[in-house]
Amino acid sequence: MWMLVSSVLIIMLMMFSSMFMEDELSINSDTQFECGMESMHPNTVPMYMHFFMVAILFLVFDMEFAISLPLINIMSLITQYMFWWLFIVILMLGLAIEILYGSTNWKE
């Protein structure tokens, strides 16, 4: 039953969107969008690779920590203590490697 209801809802939404869709593309369809204002520069500003690398570094450390949190419930106190020390050592080694490779240095 829910499959039928969701299918009907999807078809209705597609019909409504096609009814209100513009037939012709407007002048601004192919231009950049900067908060509703005209673009100040003709070229786009390139994204620096360093910001991307810092985001990936944060994501890796954050996911390692988030994945290990449920393990607290299934370990005894001694194994939990040993696990967290090992976990922190591995994280610090990973951070040290990233620092040695220079991916955490700000460059112009």
PDB file of N, CA and C in Angstrom:
ATOM      1  N   MET A   1       0.822  -1.196   0.000  1.00  0.00           N
ATOM      2  CA  MET A   1       0.000   0.000   0.000  1.00  0.00           C
ATOM      3  C   MET A   1       0.872   1.268   0.000  1.00  0.00           C
ATOM      4  N   TRP A   2       1.925   1.232   0.824  1.00  0.00           N
ATOM      5  CA  TRP A   2       2.769   2.423   0.893  1.00  0.00           C
ATOM      6  C   TRP A   2       3.505   2.658  -0.414  1.00  0.00           C
ATOM      7  N   MET A   3       3.765   1.580  -1.140  1.00  0.00           N
ATOM      8  CA  MET A   3       4.430   1.699  -2.440  1.00  0.00           C
ATOM      9  C   MET A   3       3.516   2.423  -3.426  1.00  0.00           C
ATOM     10  N   LEU A   4       2.241   2.107  -3.390  1.00  0.00           N
ATOM     11  CA  LEU A   4       1.269   2.751  -4.271  1.00  0.00           C
ATOM     12  C   LEU A   4       1.125   4.228  -3.924  1.00  0.00           C
ATOM     13  N   VAL A   5       1.033   4.525  -2.637  1.00  0.00           N
ATOM     14  CA  VAL A   5       0.888   5.919  -2.203  1.00  0.00           C
ATOM     15  C   VAL A   5       2.125   6.728  -2.584  1.00  0.00           C
ATOM     16  N   SER A   6       3.302   6.177  -2.362  1.00  0.00           N
ATOM     17  CA  SER A   6       4.517   6.919  -2.713  1.00  0.00           C
ATOM     18  C   SER A   6       4.651   7.091  -4.224  1.00  0.00           C
ATOM     19  N   SER A   7       4.241   6.098  -5.004  1.00  0.00           N
ATOM     20  CA  SER A   7       4.292   6.226  -6.467  1.00  0.00           C
ATOM     21  C   SER A   7       3.342   7.305  -6.953  1.00  0.00           C
ATOM     22  N   VAL A   8       2.133   7.333  -6.397  1.00  0.00           N
ATOM     23  CA  VAL A   8       1.157   8.366  -6.778  1.00  0.00           C
ATOM     24  C   VAL A   8       1.675   9.742  -6.384  1.00  0.00           C
ATOM     25  N   LEU A   9       2.265   9.854  -5.209  1.00  0.00           N
ATOM     26  CA  LEU A   9       2.813  11.135  -4.763  1.00  0.00           C
ATOM     27  C   LEU A   9       3.943  11.604  -5.679  1.00  0.00           C
ATOM     28  N   ILE A  10       4.808  10.712  -6.086  1.00  0.00           N
ATOM     29  CA  ILE A  10       5.905  11.069  -6.990  1.00  0.00           C
ATOM     30  C   ILE A  10       5.373  11.523  -8.338  1.00  0.00           C
ATOM     31  N   ILE A  11       4.395  10.815  -8.862  1.00  0.00           N
ATOM     32  CA  ILE A  11       3.807  11.192 -10.157  1.00  0.00           C
ATOM     33  C   ILE A  11       3.122  12.543 -10.057  1.00  0.00           C
ATOM     34  N   MET A  12       2.414  12.795  -8.954  1.00  0.00           N
ATOM     35  CA  MET A  12       1.756  14.099  -8.778  1.00  0.00           C
ATOM     36  C   MET A  12       2.782  15.225  -8.705  1.00  0.00           C
ATOM     37  N   LEU A  13       3.875  15.012  -7.985  1.00  0.00           N
ATOM     38  CA  LEU A  13       4.911  16.041  -7.891  1.00  0.00           C
ATOM     39  C   LEU A  13       5.568  16.307  -9.240  1.00  0.00           C
ATOM     40  N   MET A  14       5.770  15.264 -10.025  1.00  0.00           N
ATOM     41  CA  MET A  14       6.343  15.454 -11.361  1.00  0.00           C
ATOM     42  C   MET A  14       5.383  16.230 -12.257  1.00  0.00           C
ATOM     43  N   MET A  15       4.088  15.966 -12.144  1.00  0.00           N
ATOM     44  CA  MET A  15       3.102  16.700 -12.949  1.00  0.00           C
ATOM     45  C   MET A  15       3.048  18.164 -12.539  1.00  0.00           C
ATOM     46  N   PHE A  16       3.070  18.439 -11.222  1.00  0.00           N
ATOM     47  CA  PHE A  16       3.052  19.826 -10.765  1.00  0.00           C
ATOM     48  C   PHE A  16       4.300  20.578 -11.206  1.00  0.00           C
ATOM     49  N   SER A  17       5.445  19.937 -11.142  1.00  0.00           N
ATOM     50  CA  SER A  17       6.672  20.623 -11.553  1.00  0.00           C
ATOM     51  C   SER A  17       6.679  20.889 -13.052  1.00  0.00           C
ATOM     52  N   SER A  18       6.120  19.984 -13.854  1.00  0.00           N
ATOM     53  CA  SER A  18       6.068  20.226 -15.298  1.00  0.00           C
ATOM     54  C   SER A  18       5.048  21.301 -15.649  1.00  0.00           C
ATOM     55  N   MET A  19       4.010  21.461 -14.842  1.00  0.00           N
ATOM     56  CA  MET A  19       3.015  22.513 -15.099  1.00  0.00           C
ATOM     57  C   MET A  19       3.606  23.896 -14.862  1.00  0.00           C
ATOM     58  N   PHE A  20       4.451  24.037 -13.852  1.00  0.00           N
ATOM     59  CA  PHE A  20       4.987  25.347 -13.496  1.00  0.00           C
ATOM     60  C   PHE A  20       6.373  25.609 -14.072  1.00  0.00           C
ATOM     61  N   MET A  21       6.893  24.699 -14.868  1.00  0.00           N
ATOM     62  CA  MET A  21       8.215  24.854 -15.455  1.00  0.00           C
ATOM     63  C   MET A  21       8.163  25.862 -16.603  1.00  0.00           C
ATOM     64  N   GLU A  22       9.201  26.667 -16.711  1.00  0.00           N
ATOM     65  CA  GLU A  22       9.275  27.621 -17.808  1.00  0.00           C
ATOM     66  C   GLU A  22       9.627  26.891 -19.094  1.00  0.00           C
ATOM     67  N   ASP A  23       9.032  27.337 -20.190  1.00  0.00           N
ATOM     68  CA  ASP A  23       9.303  26.693 -21.471  1.00  0.00           C
ATOM     69  C   ASP A  23      10.665  27.083 -22.026  1.00  0.00           C
ATOM     70  N   GLU A  24      11.028  28.338 -21.859  1.00  0.00           N
ATOM     71  CA  GLU A  24      12.301  28.815 -22.386  1.00  0.00           C
ATOM     72  C   GLU A  24      13.258  29.106 -21.235  1.00  0.00           C
ATOM     73  N   LEU A  25      14.519  28.915 -21.506  1.00  0.00           N
ATOM     74  CA  LEU A  25      15.515  29.236 -20.502  1.00  0.00           C
ATOM     75  C   LEU A  25      15.669  30.744 -20.408  1.00  0.00           C
ATOM     76  N   SER A  26      15.848  31.248 -19.210  1.00  0.00           N
ATOM     77  CA  SER A  26      16.033  32.685 -19.051  1.00  0.00           C
ATOM     78  C   SER A  26      17.468  33.065 -19.408  1.00  0.00           C
ATOM     79  N   ILE A  27      17.727  34.352 -19.436  1.00  0.00           N
ATOM     80  CA  ILE A  27      19.055  34.856 -19.795  1.00  0.00           C
ATOM     81  C   ILE A  27      20.089  34.410 -18.765  1.00  0.00           C
ATOM     82  N   ASN A  28      19.686  34.349 -17.507  1.00  0.00           N
ATOM     83  CA  ASN A  28      20.625  34.042 -16.431  1.00  0.00           C
ATOM     84  C   ASN A  28      20.790  32.550 -16.178  1.00  0.00           C
ATOM     85  N   SER A  29      20.266  31.715 -17.025  1.00  0.00           N
ATOM     86  CA  SER A  29      20.356  30.270 -16.788  1.00  0.00           C
ATOM     87  C   SER A  29      21.781  29.750 -16.892  1.00  0.00           C
ATOM     88  N   ASP A  30      22.594  30.349 -17.723  1.00  0.00           N
ATOM     89  CA  ASP A  30      23.950  29.859 -17.929  1.00  0.00           C
ATOM     90  C   ASP A  30      25.007  30.679 -17.201  1.00  0.00           C
ATOM     91  N   THR A  31      24.609  31.654 -16.401  1.00  0.00           N
ATOM     92  CA  THR A  31      25.580  32.492 -15.705  1.00  0.00           C
ATOM     93  C   THR A  31      25.811  31.969 -14.298  1.00  0.00           C
ATOM     94  N   GLN A  32      26.873  32.467 -13.680  1.00  0.00           N
ATOM     95  CA  GLN A  32      27.184  32.075 -12.312  1.00  0.00           C
ATOM     96  C   GLN A  32      26.180  32.704 -11.369  1.00  0.00           C
ATOM     97  N   PHE A  33      25.991  32.066 -10.249  1.00  0.00           N
ATOM     98  CA  PHE A  33      25.076  32.588  -9.240  1.00  0.00           C
ATOM     99  C   PHE A  33      25.869  32.927  -7.995  1.00  0.00           C
ATOM    100  N   GLU A  34      25.920  34.217  -7.667  1.00  0.00           N
ATOM    101  CA  GLU A  34      26.622  34.656  -6.466  1.00  0.00           C
ATOM    102  C   GLU A  34      25.647  35.411  -5.585  1.00  0.00           C
ATOM    103  N   CYS A  35      24.936  34.709  -4.767  1.00  0.00           N
ATOM    104  CA  CYS A  35      24.014  35.295  -3.794  1.00  0.00           C
ATOM    105  C   CYS A  35      23.004  36.221  -4.451  1.00  0.00           C
ATOM    106  N   GLY A  36      22.606  35.947  -5.650  1.00  0.00           N
ATOM    107  CA  GLY A  36      21.588  36.738  -6.314  1.00  0.00           C
ATOM    108  C   GLY A  36      22.104  38.009  -6.957  1.00  0.00           C
ATOM    109  N   MET A  37      23.408  38.275  -6.908  1.00  0.00           N
ATOM    110  CA  MET A  37      23.958  39.492  -7.486  1.00  0.00           C
ATOM    111  C   MET A  37      24.771  39.147  -8.725  1.00  0.00           C
ATOM    112  N   GLU A  38      25.030  40.136  -9.505  1.00  0.00           N
ATOM    113  CA  GLU A  38      25.868  39.942 -10.683  1.00  0.00           C
ATOM    114  C   GLU A  38      27.296  39.630 -10.247  1.00  0.00           C
ATOM    115  N   SER A  39      27.975  38.859 -11.039  1.00  0.00           N
ATOM    116  CA  SER A  39      29.338  38.455 -10.722  1.00  0.00           C
ATOM    117  C   SER A  39      30.276  39.650 -10.831  1.00  0.00           C
ATOM    118  N   MET A  40      31.188  39.761  -9.875  1.00  0.00           N
ATOM    119  CA  MET A  40      32.148  40.867  -9.881  1.00  0.00           C
ATOM    120  C   MET A  40      33.325  40.567 -10.805  1.00  0.00           C
ATOM    121  N   HIS A  41      33.673  39.311 -10.937  1.00  0.00           N
ATOM    122  CA  HIS A  41      34.820  38.913 -11.734  1.00  0.00           C
ATOM    123  C   HIS A  41      34.367  37.965 -12.834  1.00  0.00           C
ATOM    124  N   PRO A  42      34.966  38.092 -14.006  1.00  0.00           N
ATOM    125  CA  PRO A  42      34.562  37.173 -15.074  1.00  0.00           C
ATOM    126  C   PRO A  42      35.032  35.738 -14.839  1.00  0.00           C
ATOM    127  N   ASN A  43      36.132  35.566 -14.142  1.00  0.00           N
ATOM    128  CA  ASN A  43      36.666  34.225 -13.896  1.00  0.00           C
ATOM    129  C   ASN A  43      36.288  33.764 -12.497  1.00  0.00           C
ATOM    130  N   THR A  44      36.209  32.478 -12.336  1.00  0.00           N
ATOM    131  CA  THR A  44      35.962  31.951 -11.004  1.00  0.00           C
ATOM    132  C   THR A  44      37.268  31.889 -10.232  1.00  0.00           C
ATOM    133  N   VAL A  45      37.181  32.001  -8.920  1.00  0.00           N
ATOM    134  CA  VAL A  45      38.358  31.923  -8.071  1.00  0.00           C
ATOM    135  C   VAL A  45      38.651  30.445  -7.838  1.00  0.00           C
ATOM    136  N   PRO A  46      39.881  30.005  -8.087  1.00  0.00           N
ATOM    137  CA  PRO A  46      40.178  28.575  -7.916  1.00  0.00           C
ATOM    138  C   PRO A  46      40.161  28.175  -6.441  1.00  0.00           C
ATOM    139  N   MET A  47      39.746  26.957  -6.189  1.00  0.00           N
ATOM    140  CA  MET A  47      39.774  26.430  -4.835  1.00  0.00           C
ATOM    141  C   MET A  47      41.186  25.933  -4.550  1.00  0.00           C
ATOM    142  N   TYR A  48      41.724  26.336  -3.428  1.00  0.00           N
ATOM    143  CA  TYR A  48      43.062  25.903  -3.073  1.00  0.00           C
ATOM    144  C   TYR A  48      43.030  24.448  -2.616  1.00  0.00           C
ATOM    145  N   MET A  49      43.986  23.697  -3.040  1.00  0.00           N
ATOM    146  CA  MET A  49      44.052  22.278  -2.709  1.00  0.00           C
ATOM    147  C   MET A  49      44.270  22.061  -1.221  1.00  0.00           C
ATOM    148  N   HIS A  50      44.901  23.023  -0.559  1.00  0.00           N
ATOM    149  CA  HIS A  50      45.176  22.860   0.861  1.00  0.00           C
ATOM    150  C   HIS A  50      43.885  22.783   1.675  1.00  0.00           C
ATOM    151  N   PHE A  51      42.886  23.590   1.329  1.00  0.00           N
ATOM    152  CA  PHE A  51      41.613  23.532   2.042  1.00  0.00           C
ATOM    153  C   PHE A  51      40.976  22.155   1.886  1.00  0.00           C
ATOM    154  N   PHE A  52      41.092  21.597   0.703  1.00  0.00           N
ATOM    155  CA  PHE A  52      40.559  20.265   0.454  1.00  0.00           C
ATOM    156  C   PHE A  52      41.294  19.222   1.287  1.00  0.00           C
ATOM    157  N   MET A  53      42.607  19.326   1.365  1.00  0.00           N
ATOM    158  CA  MET A  53      43.396  18.360   2.131  1.00  0.00           C
ATOM    159  C   MET A  53      43.088  18.449   3.628  1.00  0.00           C
ATOM    160  N   VAL A  54      42.904  19.659   4.141  1.00  0.00           N
ATOM    161  CA  VAL A  54      42.554  19.812   5.554  1.00  0.00           C
ATOM    162  C   VAL A  54      41.173  19.223   5.821  1.00  0.00           C
ATOM    163  N   ALA A  55      40.243  19.405   4.901  1.00  0.00           N
ATOM    164  CA  ALA A  55      38.909  18.825   5.065  1.00  0.00           C
ATOM    165  C   ALA A  55      38.964  17.306   5.054  1.00  0.00           C
ATOM    166  N   ILE A  56      39.748  16.731   4.169  1.00  0.00           N
ATOM    167  CA  ILE A  56      39.889  15.274   4.123  1.00  0.00           C
ATOM    168  C   ILE A  56      40.561  14.766   5.400  1.00  0.00           C
ATOM    169  N   LEU A  57      41.577  15.480   5.869  1.00  0.00           N
ATOM    170  CA  LEU A  57      42.256  15.100   7.106  1.00  0.00           C
ATOM    171  C   LEU A  57      41.282  15.120   8.280  1.00  0.00           C
ATOM    172  N   PHE A  58      40.480  16.167   8.376  1.00  0.00           N
ATOM    173  CA  PHE A  58      39.477  16.244   9.438  1.00  0.00           C
ATOM    174  C   PHE A  58      38.464  15.116   9.312  1.00  0.00           C
ATOM    175  N   LEU A  59      38.031  14.837   8.102  1.00  0.00           N
ATOM    176  CA  LEU A  59      37.040  13.785   7.884  1.00  0.00           C
ATOM    177  C   LEU A  59      37.578  12.422   8.301  1.00  0.00           C
ATOM    178  N   VAL A  60      38.816  12.139   7.968  1.00  0.00           N
ATOM    179  CA  VAL A  60      39.411  10.846   8.336  1.00  0.00           C
ATOM    180  C   VAL A  60      39.500  10.707   9.852  1.00  0.00           C
ATOM    181  N   PHE A  61      40.018  11.729  10.540  1.00  0.00           N
ATOM    182  CA  PHE A  61      40.135  11.649  11.991  1.00  0.00           C
ATOM    183  C   PHE A  61      38.763  11.592  12.654  1.00  0.00           C
ATOM    184  N   ASP A  62      37.817  12.341  12.145  1.00  0.00           N
ATOM    185  CA  ASP A  62      36.475  12.351  12.719  1.00  0.00           C
ATOM    186  C   ASP A  62      35.789  11.001  12.540  1.00  0.00           C
ATOM    187  N   MET A  63      35.918  10.410  11.368  1.00  0.00           N
ATOM    188  CA  MET A  63      35.282   9.117  11.121  1.00  0.00           C
ATOM    189  C   MET A  63      35.941   8.010  11.942  1.00  0.00           C
ATOM    190  N   GLU A  64      37.254   8.053  12.097  1.00  0.00           N
ATOM    191  CA  GLU A  64      37.919   7.055  12.944  1.00  0.00           C
ATOM    192  C   GLU A  64      37.392   7.124  14.369  1.00  0.00           C
ATOM    193  N   PHE A  65      37.218   8.320  14.862  1.00  0.00           N
ATOM    194  CA  PHE A  65      36.722   8.483  16.230  1.00  0.00           C
ATOM    195  C   PHE A  65      35.262   8.056  16.338  1.00  0.00           C
ATOM    196  N   ALA A  66      34.429   8.454  15.383  1.00  0.00           N
ATOM    197  CA  ALA A  66      33.004   8.121  15.437  1.00  0.00           C
ATOM    198  C   ALA A  66      32.761   6.622  15.289  1.00  0.00           C
ATOM    199  N   ILE A  67      33.559   5.955  14.491  1.00  0.00           N
ATOM    200  CA  ILE A  67      33.388   4.511  14.317  1.00  0.00           C
ATOM    201  C   ILE A  67      33.804   3.761  15.582  1.00  0.00           C
ATOM    202  N   SER A  68      34.775   4.281  16.306  1.00  0.00           N
ATOM    203  CA  SER A  68      35.252   3.571  17.489  1.00  0.00           C
ATOM    204  C   SER A  68      34.393   3.817  18.727  1.00  0.00           C
ATOM    205  N   LEU A  69      33.532   4.809  18.742  1.00  0.00           N
ATOM    206  CA  LEU A  69      32.726   5.094  19.929  1.00  0.00           C
ATOM    207  C   LEU A  69      31.811   3.947  20.352  1.00  0.00           C
ATOM    208  N   PRO A  70      31.126   3.236  19.461  1.00  0.00           N
ATOM    209  CA  PRO A  70      30.269   2.132  19.922  1.00  0.00           C
ATOM    210  C   PRO A  70      31.030   0.982  20.570  1.00  0.00           C
ATOM    211  N   LEU A  71      32.329   0.919  20.386  1.00  0.00           N
ATOM    212  CA  LEU A  71      33.113  -0.157  20.984  1.00  0.00           C
ATOM    213  C   LEU A  71      33.200  -0.043  22.500  1.00  0.00           C
ATOM    214  N   ILE A  72      32.860   1.113  23.050  1.00  0.00           N
ATOM    215  CA  ILE A  72      32.908   1.306  24.497  1.00  0.00           C
ATOM    216  C   ILE A  72      31.969   0.334  25.197  1.00  0.00           C
ATOM    217  N   ASN A  73      30.827   0.076  24.620  1.00  0.00           N
ATOM    218  CA  ASN A  73      29.819  -0.764  25.263  1.00  0.00           C
ATOM    219  C   ASN A  73      30.194  -2.237  25.307  1.00  0.00           C
ATOM    220  N   ILE A  74      31.053  -2.701  24.442  1.00  0.00           N
ATOM    221  CA  ILE A  74      31.308  -4.138  24.367  1.00  0.00           C
ATOM    222  C   ILE A  74      32.648  -4.556  24.958  1.00  0.00           C
ATOM    223  N   MET A  75      33.402  -3.633  25.501  1.00  0.00           N
ATOM    224  CA  MET A  75      34.718  -3.978  26.030  1.00  0.00           C
ATOM    225  C   MET A  75      34.726  -3.891  27.554  1.00  0.00           C
ATOM    226  N   SER A  76      35.586  -4.675  28.163  1.00  0.00           N
ATOM    227  CA  SER A  76      35.788  -4.558  29.606  1.00  0.00           C
ATOM    228  C   SER A  76      36.674  -3.340  29.872  1.00  0.00           C
ATOM    229  N   LEU A  77      36.857  -3.039  31.137  1.00  0.00           N
ATOM    230  CA  LEU A  77      37.597  -1.826  31.496  1.00  0.00           C
ATOM    231  C   LEU A  77      39.067  -1.896  31.073  1.00  0.00           C
ATOM    232  N   ILE A  78      39.702  -3.034  31.257  1.00  0.00           N
ATOM    233  CA  ILE A  78      41.122  -3.169  30.901  1.00  0.00           C
ATOM    234  C   ILE A  78      41.312  -3.095  29.389  1.00  0.00           C
ATOM    235  N   THR A  79      40.499  -3.846  28.654  1.00  0.00           N
ATOM    236  CA  THR A  79      40.646  -3.810  27.196  1.00  0.00           C
ATOM    237  C   THR A  79      40.246  -2.451  26.644  1.00  0.00           C
ATOM    238  N   GLN A  80      39.294  -1.809  27.302  1.00  0.00           N
ATOM    239  CA  GLN A  80      38.900  -0.470  26.872  1.00  0.00           C
ATOM    240  C   GLN A  80      40.050   0.510  27.067  1.00  0.00           C
ATOM    241  N   TYR A  81      40.732   0.420  28.189  1.00  0.00           N
ATOM    242  CA  TYR A  81      41.874   1.286  28.467  1.00  0.00           C
ATOM    243  C   TYR A  81      42.985   1.058  27.440  1.00  0.00           C
ATOM    244  N   MET A  82      43.289  -0.188  27.163  1.00  0.00           N
ATOM    245  CA  MET A  82      44.329  -0.510  26.180  1.00  0.00           C
ATOM    246  C   MET A  82      43.916  -0.069  24.777  1.00  0.00           C
ATOM    247  N   PHE A  83      42.636  -0.262  24.449  1.00  0.00           N
ATOM    248  CA  PHE A  83      42.160   0.133  23.128  1.00  0.00           C
ATOM    249  C   PHE A  83      42.292   1.631  22.928  1.00  0.00           C
ATOM    250  N   TRP A  84      41.889   2.442  23.911  1.00  0.00           N
ATOM    251  CA  TRP A  84      41.948   3.892  23.745  1.00  0.00           C
ATOM    252  C   TRP A  84      43.378   4.389  23.655  1.00  0.00           C
ATOM    253  N   TRP A  85      44.296   3.783  24.411  1.00  0.00           N
ATOM    254  CA  TRP A  85      45.693   4.172  24.284  1.00  0.00           C
ATOM    255  C   TRP A  85      46.224   3.842  22.900  1.00  0.00           C
ATOM    256  N   LEU A  86      45.903   2.650  22.415  1.00  0.00           N
ATOM    257  CA  LEU A  86      46.339   2.261  21.071  1.00  0.00           C
ATOM    258  C   LEU A  86      45.706   3.162  20.015  1.00  0.00           C
ATOM    259  N   PHE A  87      44.440   3.473  20.202  1.00  0.00           N
ATOM    260  CA  PHE A  87      43.728   4.335  19.265  1.00  0.00           C
ATOM    261  C   PHE A  87      44.347   5.727  19.211  1.00  0.00           C
ATOM    262  N   ILE A  88      44.643   6.289  20.377  1.00  0.00           N
ATOM    263  CA  ILE A  88      45.248   7.626  20.425  1.00  0.00           C
ATOM    264  C   ILE A  88      46.650   7.602  19.823  1.00  0.00           C
ATOM    265  N   VAL A  89      47.402   6.545  20.072  1.00  0.00           N
ATOM    266  CA  VAL A  89      48.748   6.428  19.485  1.00  0.00           C
ATOM    267  C   VAL A  89      48.663   6.366  17.965  1.00  0.00           C
ATOM    268  N   ILE A  90      47.726   5.586  17.440  1.00  0.00           N
ATOM    269  CA  ILE A  90      47.572   5.493  15.979  1.00  0.00           C
ATOM    270  C   ILE A  90      47.157   6.836  15.392  1.00  0.00           C
ATOM    271  N   LEU A  91      46.227   7.530  16.058  1.00  0.00           N
ATOM    272  CA  LEU A  91      45.823   8.855  15.565  1.00  0.00           C
ATOM    273  C   LEU A  91      46.986   9.837  15.587  1.00  0.00           C
ATOM    274  N   MET A  92      47.767   9.828  16.650  1.00  0.00           N
ATOM    275  CA  MET A  92      48.895  10.745  16.742  1.00  0.00           C
ATOM    276  C   MET A  92      49.971  10.407  15.710  1.00  0.00           C
ATOM    277  N   LEU A  93      50.183   9.125  15.450  1.00  0.00           N
ATOM    278  CA  LEU A  93      51.133   8.746  14.395  1.00  0.00           C
ATOM    279  C   LEU A  93      50.647   9.230  13.028  1.00  0.00           C
ATOM    280  N   GLY A  94      49.362   9.084  12.778  1.00  0.00           N
ATOM    281  CA  GLY A  94      48.807   9.584  11.517  1.00  0.00           C
ATOM    282  C   GLY A  94      48.953  11.088  11.395  1.00  0.00           C
ATOM    283  N   LEU A  95      48.706  11.796  12.495  1.00  0.00           N
ATOM    284  CA  LEU A  95      48.873  13.249  12.480  1.00  0.00           C
ATOM    285  C   LEU A  95      50.339  13.625  12.289  1.00  0.00           C
ATOM    286  N   ALA A  96      51.243  12.896  12.925  1.00  0.00           N
ATOM    287  CA  ALA A  96      52.674  13.176  12.756  1.00  0.00           C
ATOM    288  C   ALA A  96      53.106  12.957  11.313  1.00  0.00           C
ATOM    289  N   ILE A  97      52.595  11.911  10.681  1.00  0.00           N
ATOM    290  CA  ILE A  97      52.927  11.669   9.271  1.00  0.00           C
ATOM    291  C   ILE A  97      52.406  12.801   8.399  1.00  0.00           C
ATOM    292  N   GLU A  98      51.185  13.263   8.681  1.00  0.00           N
ATOM    293  CA  GLU A  98      50.636  14.379   7.908  1.00  0.00           C
ATOM    294  C   GLU A  98      51.463  15.646   8.106  1.00  0.00           C
ATOM    295  N   ILE A  99      51.928  15.872   9.314  1.00  0.00           N
ATOM    296  CA  ILE A  99      52.766  17.048   9.573  1.00  0.00           C
ATOM    297  C   ILE A  99      54.110  16.913   8.860  1.00  0.00           C
ATOM    298  N   LEU A 100      54.706  15.713   8.888  1.00  0.00           N
ATOM    299  CA  LEU A 100      55.991  15.506   8.212  1.00  0.00           C
ATOM    300  C   LEU A 100      55.871  15.655   6.699  1.00  0.00           C
ATOM    301  N   TYR A 101      54.769  15.212   6.127  1.00  0.00           N
ATOM    302  CA  TYR A 101      54.560  15.379   4.685  1.00  0.00           C
ATOM    303  C   TYR A 101      54.242  16.825   4.319  1.00  0.00           C
ATOM    304  N   GLY A 102      53.913  17.634   5.319  1.00  0.00           N
ATOM    305  CA  GLY A 102      53.674  19.047   5.067  1.00  0.00           C
ATOM    306  C   GLY A 102      52.270  19.379   4.609  1.00  0.00           C
ATOM    307  N   SER A 103      51.338  18.469   4.766  1.00  0.00           N
ATOM    308  CA  SER A 103      49.982  18.772   4.297  1.00  0.00           C
ATOM    309  C   SER A 103      49.221  19.658   5.270  1.00  0.00           C
ATOM    310  N   THR A 104      49.771  19.909   6.453  1.00  0.00           N
ATOM    311  CA  THR A 104      49.116  20.813   7.393  1.00  0.00           C
ATOM    312  C   THR A 104      49.733  22.202   7.385  1.00  0.00           C
ATOM    313  N   ASN A 105      50.747  22.442   6.565  1.00  0.00           N
ATOM    314  CA  ASN A 105      51.377  23.760   6.467  1.00  0.00           C
ATOM    315  C   ASN A 105      50.568  24.655   5.540  1.00  0.00           C
ATOM    316  N   TRP A 106      50.363  25.901   5.976  1.00  0.00           N
ATOM    317  CA  TRP A 106      49.670  26.859   5.118  1.00  0.00           C
ATOM    318  C   TRP A 106      50.663  27.433   4.125  1.00  0.00           C
ATOM    319  N   LYS A 107      50.287  27.394   2.871  1.00  0.00           N
ATOM    320  CA  LYS A 107      51.161  27.894   1.810  1.00  0.00           C
ATOM    321  C   LYS A 107      50.407  28.951   1.020  1.00  0.00           C
ATOM    322  N   GLU A 108      51.141  29.877   0.494  1.00  0.00           N
ATOM    323  CA  GLU A 108      50.525  30.922  -0.341  1.00  0.00           C
ATOM    324  C   GLU A 108      50.503  30.489  -1.774  1.00  0.00           C
TER     325      GLU A 108
END
